[in-house]
Amino acid sequence: KAENVFFVPEKARWSYLQSRAKLPEIGKDV
């Protein structure tokens, strides 16, 4: 907040989602 950056929880981070991009439940993940 002090640096004007949004806080992103672990399972919402791009690296996590990209690692699951080929799974059938990716829509629910996003």
PDB file of all heavy atoms in Angstrom:
ATOM      1  N   LYS A   1       0.836  -1.199   0.000  1.00  0.00           N
ATOM      2  CA  LYS A   1       0.000   0.000   0.000  1.00  0.00           C
ATOM      3  C   LYS A   1       0.876   1.257   0.000  1.00  0.00           C
ATOM      4  O   LYS A   1       0.583   2.240  -0.688  1.00  0.00           O
ATOM      5  CB  LYS A   1      -0.905  -0.016   1.244  1.00  0.00           C
ATOM      6  CG  LYS A   1      -2.011   1.021   1.216  1.00  0.00           C
ATOM      7  CD  LYS A   1      -2.942   0.842   2.410  1.00  0.00           C
ATOM      8  CE  LYS A   1      -4.064   1.866   2.381  1.00  0.00           C
ATOM      9  NZ  LYS A   1      -4.963   1.736   3.545  1.00  0.00           N
ATOM     10  N   ALA A   2       1.964   1.204   0.765  1.00  0.00           N
ATOM     11  CA  ALA A   2       2.873   2.349   0.865  1.00  0.00           C
ATOM     12  C   ALA A   2       3.531   2.666  -0.480  1.00  0.00           C
ATOM     13  O   ALA A   2       3.879   3.821  -0.754  1.00  0.00           O
ATOM     14  CB  ALA A   2       3.954   2.072   1.913  1.00  0.00           C
ATOM     15  N   GLU A   3       3.700   1.648  -1.310  1.00  0.00           N
ATOM     16  CA  GLU A   3       4.342   1.836  -2.619  1.00  0.00           C
ATOM     17  C   GLU A   3       3.325   1.946  -3.754  1.00  0.00           C
ATOM     18  O   GLU A   3       3.688   1.872  -4.930  1.00  0.00           O
ATOM     19  CB  GLU A   3       5.293   0.668  -2.895  1.00  0.00           C
ATOM     20  CG  GLU A   3       6.449   0.546  -1.924  1.00  0.00           C
ATOM     21  CD  GLU A   3       7.430   1.706  -2.025  1.00  0.00           C
ATOM     22  OE1 GLU A   3       7.683   2.162  -3.160  1.00  0.00           O
ATOM     23  OE2 GLU A   3       7.931   2.146  -0.978  1.00  0.00           O
ATOM     24  N   ASN A   4       2.027   2.076  -3.403  1.00  0.00           N
ATOM     25  CA  ASN A   4       0.954   2.179  -4.398  1.00  0.00           C
ATOM     26  C   ASN A   4       0.917   0.974  -5.339  1.00  0.00           C
ATOM     27  O   ASN A   4       0.755   1.101  -6.555  1.00  0.00           O
ATOM     28  CB  ASN A   4       1.099   3.475  -5.211  1.00  0.00           C
ATOM     29  CG  ASN A   4      -0.192   3.863  -5.901  1.00  0.00           C
ATOM     30  OD1 ASN A   4      -1.280   3.495  -5.451  1.00  0.00           O
ATOM     31  ND2 ASN A   4      -0.086   4.569  -7.014  1.00  0.00           N
ATOM     32  N   VAL A   5       1.092  -0.212  -4.746  1.00  0.00           N
ATOM     33  CA  VAL A   5       1.066  -1.472  -5.497  1.00  0.00           C
ATOM     34  C   VAL A   5      -0.045  -2.338  -4.919  1.00  0.00           C
ATOM     35  O   VAL A   5      -0.200  -2.434  -3.701  1.00  0.00           O
ATOM     36  CB  VAL A   5       2.433  -2.209  -5.389  1.00  0.00           C
ATOM     37  CG1 VAL A   5       2.350  -3.609  -5.969  1.00  0.00           C
ATOM     38  CG2 VAL A   5       3.518  -1.399  -6.095  1.00  0.00           C
ATOM     39  N   PHE A   6      -0.842  -2.968  -5.781  1.00  0.00           N
ATOM     40  CA  PHE A   6      -1.914  -3.844  -5.315  1.00  0.00           C
ATOM     41  C   PHE A   6      -1.326  -5.118  -4.695  1.00  0.00           C
ATOM     42  O   PHE A   6      -0.366  -5.687  -5.225  1.00  0.00           O
ATOM     43  CB  PHE A   6      -2.842  -4.236  -6.469  1.00  0.00           C
ATOM     44  CG  PHE A   6      -3.617  -3.075  -7.034  1.00  0.00           C
ATOM     45  CD1 PHE A   6      -3.338  -2.584  -8.299  1.00  0.00           C
ATOM     46  CD2 PHE A   6      -4.627  -2.466  -6.304  1.00  0.00           C
ATOM     47  CE1 PHE A   6      -4.049  -1.516  -8.830  1.00  0.00           C
ATOM     48  CE2 PHE A   6      -5.348  -1.398  -6.815  1.00  0.00           C
ATOM     49  CZ  PHE A   6      -5.046  -0.925  -8.082  1.00  0.00           C
ATOM     50  N   PHE A   7      -1.919  -5.558  -3.568  1.00  0.00           N
ATOM     51  CA  PHE A   7      -1.486  -6.811  -2.957  1.00  0.00           C
ATOM     52  C   PHE A   7      -2.180  -7.971  -3.670  1.00  0.00           C
ATOM     53  O   PHE A   7      -3.401  -7.976  -3.843  1.00  0.00           O
ATOM     54  CB  PHE A   7      -1.836  -6.843  -1.467  1.00  0.00           C
ATOM     55  CG  PHE A   7      -1.355  -8.091  -0.782  1.00  0.00           C
ATOM     56  CD1 PHE A   7      -0.046  -8.198  -0.333  1.00  0.00           C
ATOM     57  CD2 PHE A   7      -2.203  -9.190  -0.607  1.00  0.00           C
ATOM     58  CE1 PHE A   7       0.411  -9.353   0.274  1.00  0.00           C
ATOM     59  CE2 PHE A   7      -1.763 -10.345   0.001  1.00  0.00           C
ATOM     60  CZ  PHE A   7      -0.446 -10.427   0.450  1.00  0.00           C
ATOM     61  N   VAL A   8      -1.375  -8.960  -4.090  1.00  0.00           N
ATOM     62  CA  VAL A   8      -1.911 -10.105  -4.837  1.00  0.00           C
ATOM     63  C   VAL A   8      -1.688 -11.381  -4.031  1.00  0.00           C
ATOM     64  O   VAL A   8      -0.541 -11.779  -3.806  1.00  0.00           O
ATOM     65  CB  VAL A   8      -1.235 -10.224  -6.221  1.00  0.00           C
ATOM     66  CG1 VAL A   8      -1.857 -11.370  -7.023  1.00  0.00           C
ATOM     67  CG2 VAL A   8      -1.366  -8.908  -6.996  1.00  0.00           C
ATOM     68  N   PRO A   9      -2.765 -12.047  -3.566  1.00  0.00           N
ATOM     69  CA  PRO A   9      -2.619 -13.301  -2.812  1.00  0.00           C
ATOM     70  C   PRO A   9      -1.930 -14.374  -3.663  1.00  0.00           C
ATOM     71  O   PRO A   9      -1.957 -14.313  -4.901  1.00  0.00           O
ATOM     72  CB  PRO A   9      -4.067 -13.703  -2.497  1.00  0.00           C
ATOM     73  CG  PRO A   9      -4.872 -12.466  -2.690  1.00  0.00           C
ATOM     74  CD  PRO A   9      -4.170 -11.653  -3.723  1.00  0.00           C
ATOM     75  N   GLU A  10      -1.356 -15.356  -2.994  1.00  0.00           N
ATOM     76  CA  GLU A  10      -0.516 -16.345  -3.673  1.00  0.00           C
ATOM     77  C   GLU A  10      -1.219 -17.030  -4.846  1.00  0.00           C
ATOM     78  O   GLU A  10      -0.660 -17.172  -5.935  1.00  0.00           O
ATOM     79  CB  GLU A  10      -0.065 -17.408  -2.660  1.00  0.00           C
ATOM     80  CG  GLU A  10       0.981 -18.352  -3.229  1.00  0.00           C
ATOM     81  CD  GLU A  10       1.528 -19.303  -2.174  1.00  0.00           C
ATOM     82  OE1 GLU A  10       1.206 -19.133  -0.981  1.00  0.00           O
ATOM     83  OE2 GLU A  10       2.272 -20.223  -2.565  1.00  0.00           O
ATOM     84  N   LYS A  11      -2.463 -17.455  -4.652  1.00  0.00           N
ATOM     85  CA  LYS A  11      -3.147 -18.210  -5.706  1.00  0.00           C
ATOM     86  C   LYS A  11      -3.756 -17.302  -6.779  1.00  0.00           C
ATOM     87  O   LYS A  11      -4.436 -17.779  -7.685  1.00  0.00           O
ATOM     88  CB  LYS A  11      -4.219 -19.111  -5.102  1.00  0.00           C
ATOM     89  CG  LYS A  11      -3.614 -20.265  -4.326  1.00  0.00           C
ATOM     90  CD  LYS A  11      -4.640 -21.312  -3.974  1.00  0.00           C
ATOM     91  CE  LYS A  11      -3.965 -22.502  -3.280  1.00  0.00           C
ATOM     92  NZ  LYS A  11      -4.939 -23.536  -2.890  1.00  0.00           N
ATOM     93  N   ALA A  12      -3.501 -16.008  -6.667  1.00  0.00           N
ATOM     94  CA  ALA A  12      -3.941 -15.081  -7.710  1.00  0.00           C
ATOM     95  C   ALA A  12      -2.756 -14.554  -8.513  1.00  0.00           C
ATOM     96  O   ALA A  12      -2.954 -13.778  -9.452  1.00  0.00           O
ATOM     97  CB  ALA A  12      -4.699 -13.910  -7.083  1.00  0.00           C
ATOM     98  N   ARG A  13      -1.550 -14.979  -8.155  1.00  0.00           N
ATOM     99  CA  ARG A  13      -0.356 -14.488  -8.842  1.00  0.00           C
ATOM    100  C   ARG A  13      -0.225 -15.136 -10.222  1.00  0.00           C
ATOM    101  O   ARG A  13      -0.581 -16.292 -10.407  1.00  0.00           O
ATOM    102  CB  ARG A  13       0.881 -14.714  -7.974  1.00  0.00           C
ATOM    103  CG  ARG A  13       0.824 -13.870  -6.708  1.00  0.00           C
ATOM    104  CD  ARG A  13       1.864 -14.202  -5.666  1.00  0.00           C
ATOM    105  NE  ARG A  13       1.484 -13.601  -4.379  1.00  0.00           N
ATOM    106  CZ  ARG A  13       2.084 -13.829  -3.227  1.00  0.00           C
ATOM    107  NH1 ARG A  13       3.132 -14.674  -3.163  1.00  0.00           N
ATOM    108  NH2 ARG A  13       1.661 -13.234  -2.123  1.00  0.00           N
ATOM    109  N   TRP A  14       0.299 -14.363 -11.146  1.00  0.00           N
ATOM    110  CA  TRP A  14       0.367 -14.824 -12.536  1.00  0.00           C
ATOM    111  C   TRP A  14       1.152 -16.128 -12.665  1.00  0.00           C
ATOM    112  O   TRP A  14       0.768 -17.031 -13.405  1.00  0.00           O
ATOM    113  CB  TRP A  14       0.969 -13.734 -13.417  1.00  0.00           C
ATOM    114  CG  TRP A  14       0.863 -14.085 -14.865  1.00  0.00           C
ATOM    115  CD1 TRP A  14       1.811 -14.647 -15.662  1.00  0.00           C
ATOM    116  CD2 TRP A  14      -0.312 -13.946 -15.679  1.00  0.00           C
ATOM    117  NE1 TRP A  14       1.319 -14.861 -16.919  1.00  0.00           N
ATOM    118  CE2 TRP A  14       0.013 -14.438 -16.960  1.00  0.00           C
ATOM    119  CE3 TRP A  14      -1.595 -13.465 -15.450  1.00  0.00           C
ATOM    120  CZ2 TRP A  14      -0.885 -14.454 -18.024  1.00  0.00           C
ATOM    121  CZ3 TRP A  14      -2.500 -13.468 -16.498  1.00  0.00           C
ATOM    122  CH2 TRP A  14      -2.156 -13.969 -17.755  1.00  0.00           C
ATOM    123  N   SER A  15       2.246 -16.224 -11.938  1.00  0.00           N
ATOM    124  CA  SER A  15       3.087 -17.434 -12.035  1.00  0.00           C
ATOM    125  C   SER A  15       2.290 -18.680 -11.638  1.00  0.00           C
ATOM    126  O   SER A  15       2.414 -19.743 -12.265  1.00  0.00           O
ATOM    127  CB  SER A  15       4.324 -17.288 -11.141  1.00  0.00           C
ATOM    128  OG  SER A  15       3.945 -16.902  -9.833  1.00  0.00           O
ATOM    129  N   TYR A  16       1.450 -18.560 -10.620  1.00  0.00           N
ATOM    130  CA  TYR A  16       0.621 -19.692 -10.175  1.00  0.00           C
ATOM    131  C   TYR A  16      -0.413 -20.050 -11.254  1.00  0.00           C
ATOM    132  O   TYR A  16      -0.577 -21.217 -11.614  1.00  0.00           O
ATOM    133  CB  TYR A  16      -0.080 -19.348  -8.858  1.00  0.00           C
ATOM    134  CG  TYR A  16      -1.068 -20.400  -8.396  1.00  0.00           C
ATOM    135  CD1 TYR A  16      -0.631 -21.536  -7.710  1.00  0.00           C
ATOM    136  CD2 TYR A  16      -2.436 -20.262  -8.658  1.00  0.00           C
ATOM    137  CE1 TYR A  16      -1.533 -22.503  -7.295  1.00  0.00           C
ATOM    138  CE2 TYR A  16      -3.341 -21.223  -8.243  1.00  0.00           C
ATOM    139  CZ  TYR A  16      -2.882 -22.355  -7.565  1.00  0.00           C
ATOM    140  OH  TYR A  16      -3.777 -23.326  -7.165  1.00  0.00           O
ATOM    141  N   LEU A  17      -1.092 -19.037 -11.776  1.00  0.00           N
ATOM    142  CA  LEU A  17      -2.125 -19.296 -12.783  1.00  0.00           C
ATOM    143  C   LEU A  17      -1.525 -19.851 -14.072  1.00  0.00           C
ATOM    144  O   LEU A  17      -2.098 -20.737 -14.706  1.00  0.00           O
ATOM    145  CB  LEU A  17      -2.905 -18.013 -13.077  1.00  0.00           C
ATOM    146  CG  LEU A  17      -3.743 -17.478 -11.909  1.00  0.00           C
ATOM    147  CD1 LEU A  17      -4.290 -16.100 -12.224  1.00  0.00           C
ATOM    148  CD2 LEU A  17      -4.891 -18.444 -11.573  1.00  0.00           C
ATOM    149  N   GLN A  18      -0.370 -19.341 -14.451  1.00  0.00           N
ATOM    150  CA  GLN A  18       0.253 -19.838 -15.694  1.00  0.00           C
ATOM    151  C   GLN A  18       0.666 -21.295 -15.551  1.00  0.00           C
ATOM    152  O   GLN A  18       0.599 -22.067 -16.504  1.00  0.00           O
ATOM    153  CB  GLN A  18       1.452 -18.962 -16.070  1.00  0.00           C
ATOM    154  CG  GLN A  18       1.889 -19.159 -17.518  1.00  0.00           C
ATOM    155  CD  GLN A  18       2.732 -18.024 -18.050  1.00  0.00           C
ATOM    156  OE1 GLN A  18       3.269 -17.215 -17.284  1.00  0.00           O
ATOM    157  NE2 GLN A  18       2.868 -17.936 -19.362  1.00  0.00           N
ATOM    158  N   SER A  19       1.044 -21.675 -14.325  1.00  0.00           N
ATOM    159  CA  SER A  19       1.430 -23.074 -14.105  1.00  0.00           C
ATOM    160  C   SER A  19       0.223 -24.011 -14.205  1.00  0.00           C
ATOM    161  O   SER A  19       0.376 -25.216 -14.374  1.00  0.00           O
ATOM    162  CB  SER A  19       2.096 -23.230 -12.726  1.00  0.00           C
ATOM    163  OG  SER A  19       1.132 -23.096 -11.684  1.00  0.00           O
ATOM    164  N   ARG A  20      -0.977 -23.464 -14.106  1.00  0.00           N
ATOM    165  CA  ARG A  20      -2.200 -24.276 -14.158  1.00  0.00           C
ATOM    166  C   ARG A  20      -3.007 -24.033 -15.442  1.00  0.00           C
ATOM    167  O   ARG A  20      -4.155 -24.466 -15.569  1.00  0.00           O
ATOM    168  CB  ARG A  20      -3.073 -23.954 -12.936  1.00  0.00           C
ATOM    169  CG  ARG A  20      -2.410 -24.313 -11.612  1.00  0.00           C
ATOM    170  CD  ARG A  20      -3.249 -23.861 -10.422  1.00  0.00           C
ATOM    171  NE  ARG A  20      -4.572 -24.465 -10.379  1.00  0.00           N
ATOM    172  CZ  ARG A  20      -4.845 -25.685  -9.928  1.00  0.00           C
ATOM    173  NH1 ARG A  20      -3.858 -26.467  -9.472  1.00  0.00           N
ATOM    174  NH2 ARG A  20      -6.084 -26.156  -9.926  1.00  0.00           N
ATOM    175  N   ALA A  21      -2.394 -23.339 -16.410  1.00  0.00           N
ATOM    176  CA  ALA A  21      -3.113 -22.925 -17.612  1.00  0.00           C
ATOM    177  C   ALA A  21      -3.688 -24.090 -18.413  1.00  0.00           C
ATOM    178  O   ALA A  21      -4.688 -23.933 -19.110  1.00  0.00           O
ATOM    179  CB  ALA A  21      -2.207 -22.079 -18.509  1.00  0.00           C
ATOM    180  N   LYS A  22      -3.065 -25.266 -18.325  1.00  0.00           N
ATOM    181  CA  LYS A  22      -3.525 -26.407 -19.147  1.00  0.00           C
ATOM    182  C   LYS A  22      -4.540 -27.294 -18.417  1.00  0.00           C
ATOM    183  O   LYS A  22      -5.020 -28.278 -18.980  1.00  0.00           O
ATOM    184  CB  LYS A  22      -2.313 -27.272 -19.553  1.00  0.00           C
ATOM    185  CG  LYS A  22      -1.251 -26.551 -20.380  1.00  0.00           C
ATOM    186  CD  LYS A  22      -1.799 -26.150 -21.745  1.00  0.00           C
ATOM    187  CE  LYS A  22      -0.716 -25.575 -22.634  1.00  0.00           C
ATOM    188  NZ  LYS A  22      -0.327 -24.207 -22.254  1.00  0.00           N
ATOM    189  N   LEU A  23      -4.892 -26.947 -17.188  1.00  0.00           N
ATOM    190  CA  LEU A  23      -5.829 -27.770 -16.421  1.00  0.00           C
ATOM    191  C   LEU A  23      -7.277 -27.387 -16.746  1.00  0.00           C
ATOM    192  O   LEU A  23      -7.569 -26.220 -17.013  1.00  0.00           O
ATOM    193  CB  LEU A  23      -5.578 -27.594 -14.919  1.00  0.00           C
ATOM    194  CG  LEU A  23      -4.179 -28.005 -14.421  1.00  0.00           C
ATOM    195  CD1 LEU A  23      -4.060 -27.733 -12.931  1.00  0.00           C
ATOM    196  CD2 LEU A  23      -3.909 -29.480 -14.722  1.00  0.00           C
ATOM    197  N   PRO A  24      -8.201 -28.339 -16.696  1.00  0.00           N
ATOM    198  CA  PRO A  24      -9.601 -28.052 -17.056  1.00  0.00           C
ATOM    199  C   PRO A  24     -10.285 -27.063 -16.110  1.00  0.00           C
ATOM    200  O   PRO A  24     -11.261 -26.420 -16.493  1.00  0.00           O
ATOM    201  CB  PRO A  24     -10.277 -29.423 -17.008  1.00  0.00           C
ATOM    202  CG  PRO A  24      -9.362 -30.316 -16.246  1.00  0.00           C
ATOM    203  CD  PRO A  24      -7.988 -29.779 -16.442  1.00  0.00           C
ATOM    204  N   GLU A  25      -9.788 -26.938 -14.872  1.00  0.00           N
ATOM    205  CA  GLU A  25     -10.434 -26.015 -13.917  1.00  0.00           C
ATOM    206  C   GLU A  25      -9.806 -24.618 -13.916  1.00  0.00           C
ATOM    207  O   GLU A  25     -10.031 -23.821 -13.000  1.00  0.00           O
ATOM    208  CB  GLU A  25     -10.396 -26.603 -12.501  1.00  0.00           C
ATOM    209  CG  GLU A  25      -9.019 -26.852 -11.933  1.00  0.00           C
ATOM    210  CD  GLU A  25      -8.525 -28.275 -12.228  1.00  0.00           C
ATOM    211  OE1 GLU A  25      -8.993 -28.896 -13.209  1.00  0.00           O
ATOM    212  OE2 GLU A  25      -7.662 -28.757 -11.457  1.00  0.00           O
ATOM    213  N   ILE A  26      -9.040 -24.288 -14.953  1.00  0.00           N
ATOM    214  CA  ILE A  26      -8.354 -22.997 -14.979  1.00  0.00           C
ATOM    215  C   ILE A  26      -9.338 -21.821 -14.919  1.00  0.00           C
ATOM    216  O   ILE A  26      -9.070 -20.785 -14.315  1.00  0.00           O
ATOM    217  CB  ILE A  26      -7.435 -22.865 -16.231  1.00  0.00           C
ATOM    218  CG1 ILE A  26      -6.671 -21.532 -16.229  1.00  0.00           C
ATOM    219  CG2 ILE A  26      -8.220 -23.043 -17.512  1.00  0.00           C
ATOM    220  CD1 ILE A  26      -5.765 -21.325 -15.042  1.00  0.00           C
ATOM    221  N   GLY A  27     -10.538 -21.974 -15.508  1.00  0.00           N
ATOM    222  CA  GLY A  27     -11.542 -20.900 -15.465  1.00  0.00           C
ATOM    223  C   GLY A  27     -11.930 -20.558 -14.039  1.00  0.00           C
ATOM    224  O   GLY A  27     -12.009 -19.374 -13.666  1.00  0.00           O
ATOM    225  N   LYS A  28     -12.180 -21.593 -13.228  1.00  0.00           N
ATOM    226  CA  LYS A  28     -12.519 -21.368 -11.816  1.00  0.00           C
ATOM    227  C   LYS A  28     -11.354 -20.728 -11.074  1.00  0.00           C
ATOM    228  O   LYS A  28     -11.538 -19.888 -10.197  1.00  0.00           O
ATOM    229  CB  LYS A  28     -12.892 -22.688 -11.156  1.00  0.00           C
ATOM    230  CG  LYS A  28     -14.242 -23.242 -11.623  1.00  0.00           C
ATOM    231  CD  LYS A  28     -14.564 -24.542 -10.917  1.00  0.00           C
ATOM    232  CE  LYS A  28     -15.908 -25.100 -11.398  1.00  0.00           C
ATOM    233  NZ  LYS A  28     -16.216 -26.411 -10.819  1.00  0.00           N
ATOM    234  N   ASP A  29     -10.133 -21.139 -11.432  1.00  0.00           N
ATOM    235  CA  ASP A  29      -8.941 -20.568 -10.786  1.00  0.00           C
ATOM    236  C   ASP A  29      -8.849 -19.061 -11.038  1.00  0.00           C
ATOM    237  O   ASP A  29      -8.554 -18.280 -10.119  1.00  0.00           O
ATOM    238  CB  ASP A  29      -7.671 -21.244 -11.317  1.00  0.00           C
ATOM    239  CG  ASP A  29      -7.509 -22.668 -10.805  1.00  0.00           C
ATOM    240  OD1 ASP A  29      -8.169 -23.024  -9.804  1.00  0.00           O
ATOM    241  OD2 ASP A  29      -6.721 -23.432 -11.395  1.00  0.00           O
ATOM    242  N   VAL A  30      -9.100 -18.652 -12.291  1.00  0.00           N
ATOM    243  CA  VAL A  30      -8.970 -17.219 -12.623  1.00  0.00           C
ATOM    244  C   VAL A  30     -10.094 -16.422 -11.952  1.00  0.00           C
ATOM    245  O   VAL A  30      -9.848 -15.349 -11.393  1.00  0.00           O
ATOM    246  CB  VAL A  30      -8.968 -16.999 -14.150  1.00  0.00           C
ATOM    247  CG1 VAL A  30      -8.865 -15.505 -14.460  1.00  0.00           C
ATOM    248  CG2 VAL A  30      -7.815 -17.748 -14.810  1.00  0.00           C
TER     249      VAL A  30
END
